[in-house]
Each structure stands twice: as C-alpha cells, then as structure tokens.
Amino acid sequence: MLQIYSLSEQIKVDEEHDKRLGQIAALERQMKATKQPRRKRELFVELQKLKLH
C-alpha cells in the first residue's frame, strides 16, 4: 500500500525508520556477543518484534 506523506511527515517517518534500523543493528551485535542462551533468546524475541513493526 502506497501512502503519500507531506515533506515533514516523510522526514518523521524516515527518522523513525532509521532509529528502528539502528536498534535492530544494536540488538544483532548484542545477540552475537552474548554467550548466555537465555539472554540470547530474549534478544532474539526483541529483534523479531522490531522487525515486524
């Protein structure tokens, strides 16, 4: 579905998207660095939630 935004709305959407991509990258780095299986699973669940939105 294509949505048409005004310039200010598009800037806001782009900033939110960039922020989410940064959070995803940080979680992926944490997940790779973590040795504990339970914590790794928690990070994986958080990562999946971010990717769905």
N, C-alpha and C. Protein backbone atom coordinates (compact mmCIF):
# COMPACT_ATOMS: atom_id res chain seq x y z
N MET A 1 0.84 -1.17 0.00
CA MET A 1 0.00 0.00 0.00
C MET A 1 0.88 1.24 0.00
N LEU A 2 0.66 2.09 -0.93
CA LEU A 2 1.44 3.31 -1.07
C LEU A 2 0.73 4.45 -0.34
N GLN A 3 1.47 5.10 0.56
CA GLN A 3 0.90 6.23 1.28
C GLN A 3 1.64 7.49 0.87
N ILE A 4 0.91 8.56 0.74
CA ILE A 4 1.50 9.83 0.36
C ILE A 4 1.59 10.71 1.61
N TYR A 5 2.81 11.17 1.90
CA TYR A 5 3.05 12.00 3.07
C TYR A 5 3.52 13.38 2.63
N SER A 6 3.26 14.35 3.49
CA SER A 6 3.85 15.66 3.26
C SER A 6 5.34 15.55 3.58
N LEU A 7 6.10 16.56 3.25
CA LEU A 7 7.55 16.51 3.46
C LEU A 7 7.89 16.32 4.94
N SER A 8 7.23 17.06 5.81
CA SER A 8 7.53 16.94 7.25
C SER A 8 7.15 15.56 7.78
N GLU A 9 6.03 15.02 7.30
CA GLU A 9 5.64 13.67 7.72
C GLU A 9 6.63 12.64 7.22
N GLN A 10 7.09 12.80 5.97
CA GLN A 10 8.06 11.85 5.40
C GLN A 10 9.38 11.89 6.16
N ILE A 11 9.80 13.08 6.57
CA ILE A 11 11.03 13.20 7.36
C ILE A 11 10.88 12.47 8.68
N LYS A 12 9.73 12.64 9.32
CA LYS A 12 9.47 11.97 10.59
C LYS A 12 9.46 10.44 10.40
N VAL A 13 8.82 9.96 9.36
CA VAL A 13 8.76 8.52 9.08
C VAL A 13 10.17 7.98 8.81
N ASP A 14 10.97 8.73 8.05
CA ASP A 14 12.34 8.31 7.76
C ASP A 14 13.20 8.25 9.02
N GLU A 15 13.02 9.24 9.90
CA GLU A 15 13.78 9.25 11.16
C GLU A 15 13.41 8.05 12.02
N GLU A 16 12.12 7.73 12.11
CA GLU A 16 11.68 6.58 12.88
C GLU A 16 12.23 5.29 12.29
N HIS A 17 12.25 5.20 10.97
CA HIS A 17 12.77 4.02 10.29
C HIS A 17 14.27 3.87 10.56
N ASP A 18 15.01 4.97 10.47
CA ASP A 18 16.45 4.93 10.75
C ASP A 18 16.72 4.54 12.19
N LYS A 19 15.91 5.06 13.11
CA LYS A 19 16.08 4.73 14.52
C LYS A 19 15.85 3.23 14.74
N ARG A 20 14.80 2.69 14.11
CA ARG A 20 14.49 1.27 14.24
C ARG A 20 15.63 0.41 13.66
N LEU A 21 16.19 0.84 12.51
CA LEU A 21 17.30 0.10 11.92
C LEU A 21 18.52 0.10 12.85
N GLY A 22 18.75 1.21 13.51
CA GLY A 22 19.84 1.30 14.48
C GLY A 22 19.63 0.37 15.66
N GLN A 23 18.38 0.31 16.14
CA GLN A 23 18.06 -0.59 17.25
C GLN A 23 18.24 -2.05 16.84
N ILE A 24 17.83 -2.37 15.61
CA ILE A 24 17.98 -3.73 15.11
C ILE A 24 19.45 -4.10 15.02
N ALA A 25 20.27 -3.22 14.50
CA ALA A 25 21.70 -3.48 14.38
C ALA A 25 22.34 -3.67 15.76
N ALA A 26 21.94 -2.85 16.72
CA ALA A 26 22.50 -2.96 18.07
C ALA A 26 22.09 -4.30 18.71
N LEU A 27 20.84 -4.70 18.54
CA LEU A 27 20.39 -5.97 19.09
C LEU A 27 21.11 -7.14 18.43
N GLU A 28 21.33 -7.06 17.13
CA GLU A 28 22.06 -8.14 16.44
C GLU A 28 23.49 -8.25 16.96
N ARG A 29 24.14 -7.11 17.21
CA ARG A 29 25.50 -7.14 17.76
C ARG A 29 25.50 -7.75 19.16
N GLN A 30 24.52 -7.34 19.99
CA GLN A 30 24.42 -7.88 21.34
C GLN A 30 24.18 -9.38 21.31
N MET A 31 23.32 -9.82 20.40
CA MET A 31 22.98 -11.23 20.32
C MET A 31 24.21 -12.06 19.93
N LYS A 32 25.02 -11.55 19.02
CA LYS A 32 26.22 -12.27 18.62
C LYS A 32 27.25 -12.32 19.73
N ALA A 33 27.32 -11.27 20.54
CA ALA A 33 28.32 -11.18 21.59
C ALA A 33 27.92 -11.94 22.86
N THR A 34 26.63 -12.18 23.03
CA THR A 34 26.14 -12.82 24.25
C THR A 34 26.41 -14.32 24.23
N LYS A 35 26.88 -14.82 25.35
CA LYS A 35 27.16 -16.25 25.48
C LYS A 35 26.00 -17.01 26.12
N GLN A 36 25.20 -16.29 26.90
CA GLN A 36 24.12 -16.94 27.65
C GLN A 36 22.93 -17.23 26.75
N PRO A 37 22.52 -18.50 26.66
CA PRO A 37 21.41 -18.87 25.78
C PRO A 37 20.09 -18.16 26.11
N ARG A 38 19.79 -18.01 27.39
CA ARG A 38 18.52 -17.36 27.77
C ARG A 38 18.51 -15.90 27.33
N ARG A 39 19.61 -15.20 27.56
CA ARG A 39 19.69 -13.78 27.16
C ARG A 39 19.67 -13.66 25.64
N LYS A 40 20.32 -14.61 24.97
CA LYS A 40 20.33 -14.59 23.51
C LYS A 40 18.91 -14.75 22.97
N ARG A 41 18.13 -15.62 23.61
CA ARG A 41 16.73 -15.83 23.20
C ARG A 41 15.91 -14.56 23.44
N GLU A 42 16.12 -13.89 24.59
CA GLU A 42 15.40 -12.65 24.88
C GLU A 42 15.72 -11.59 23.82
N LEU A 43 16.97 -11.47 23.44
CA LEU A 43 17.37 -10.51 22.42
C LEU A 43 16.74 -10.87 21.08
N PHE A 44 16.68 -12.16 20.78
CA PHE A 44 16.07 -12.61 19.53
C PHE A 44 14.59 -12.23 19.48
N VAL A 45 13.88 -12.41 20.58
CA VAL A 45 12.45 -12.05 20.64
C VAL A 45 12.27 -10.55 20.44
N GLU A 46 13.10 -9.74 21.10
CA GLU A 46 13.03 -8.29 20.92
C GLU A 46 13.30 -7.91 19.46
N LEU A 47 14.27 -8.59 18.87
CA LEU A 47 14.62 -8.32 17.48
C LEU A 47 13.47 -8.65 16.54
N GLN A 48 12.80 -9.74 16.78
CA GLN A 48 11.66 -10.12 15.94
C GLN A 48 10.51 -9.11 16.07
N LYS A 49 10.28 -8.61 17.28
CA LYS A 49 9.24 -7.60 17.48
C LYS A 49 9.55 -6.33 16.69
N LEU A 50 10.82 -5.91 16.72
CA LEU A 50 11.19 -4.70 15.98
C LEU A 50 11.06 -4.90 14.47
N LYS A 51 11.43 -6.07 14.01
CA LYS A 51 11.37 -6.33 12.56
C LYS A 51 9.93 -6.41 12.05
N LEU A 52 8.99 -6.79 12.91
CA LEU A 52 7.59 -6.91 12.48
C LEU A 52 6.92 -5.54 12.32
N HIS A 53 7.40 -4.55 13.06
CA HIS A 53 6.75 -3.22 13.00
C HIS A 53 7.29 -2.43 11.88
